[in-house]
Amino acid sequence: MRRRDGVGGGQLNFLRPFARPDSSRICIKVINHFGDEVQKVFRV
């Protein structure tokens, strides 16, 4: 998994895996270089 840090910074950070949540859902948040944010919940 990767995370992009900073608005327009272009840096990528790698995140560690995590245990499956009890709710079987995760939320992914993406921020583009304009600062727009989008969140989406996925069932796993």
Protein backbone atom coordinates (compact mmCIF):
# COMPACT_ATOMS: atom_id res chain seq x y z
CA MET A 1 0.00 0.00 0.00
CA ARG A 2 1.16 3.51 -0.69
CA ARG A 3 0.19 6.91 0.62
CA ARG A 4 0.86 10.23 -1.05
CA ASP A 5 1.95 12.92 1.40
CA GLY A 6 1.60 16.65 0.97
CA VAL A 7 -0.41 18.57 -1.56
CA GLY A 8 1.59 18.60 -4.78
CA GLY A 9 4.67 17.27 -3.00
CA GLY A 10 4.89 14.12 -5.07
CA GLN A 11 6.21 12.01 -2.19
CA LEU A 12 5.05 8.43 -1.72
CA ASN A 13 5.23 6.64 1.61
CA PHE A 14 4.76 2.91 2.03
CA LEU A 15 2.46 1.78 4.83
CA ARG A 16 2.56 -1.46 6.77
CA PRO A 17 -0.17 -4.08 6.38
CA PHE A 18 -2.82 -4.12 9.09
CA ALA A 19 -5.12 -6.76 10.57
CA ARG A 20 -8.58 -7.21 9.06
CA PRO A 21 -11.05 -5.05 10.99
CA ASP A 22 -13.97 -6.66 12.82
CA SER A 23 -16.44 -4.64 10.74
CA SER A 24 -14.93 -6.05 7.48
CA ARG A 25 -14.81 -2.51 6.06
CA ILE A 26 -11.96 -0.09 5.40
CA CYS A 27 -11.97 3.54 4.28
CA ILE A 28 -9.55 4.84 1.65
CA LYS A 29 -8.88 8.57 1.40
CA VAL A 30 -7.18 10.10 -1.64
CA ILE A 31 -5.94 13.70 -1.91
CA ASN A 32 -4.91 14.94 -5.36
CA HIS A 33 -2.42 17.68 -6.18
CA PHE A 34 -5.24 20.28 -6.21
CA GLY A 35 -6.10 19.44 -2.59
CA ASP A 36 -9.38 17.70 -3.50
CA GLU A 37 -10.25 14.86 -1.11
CA VAL A 38 -12.28 11.73 -1.82
CA GLN A 39 -13.15 8.96 0.66
CA LYS A 40 -14.65 5.58 -0.15
CA VAL A 41 -15.56 2.65 2.12
CA PHE A 42 -14.78 -0.86 0.85
CA ARG A 43 -15.87 -4.22 2.21
CA VAL A 44 -12.97 -6.62 2.67
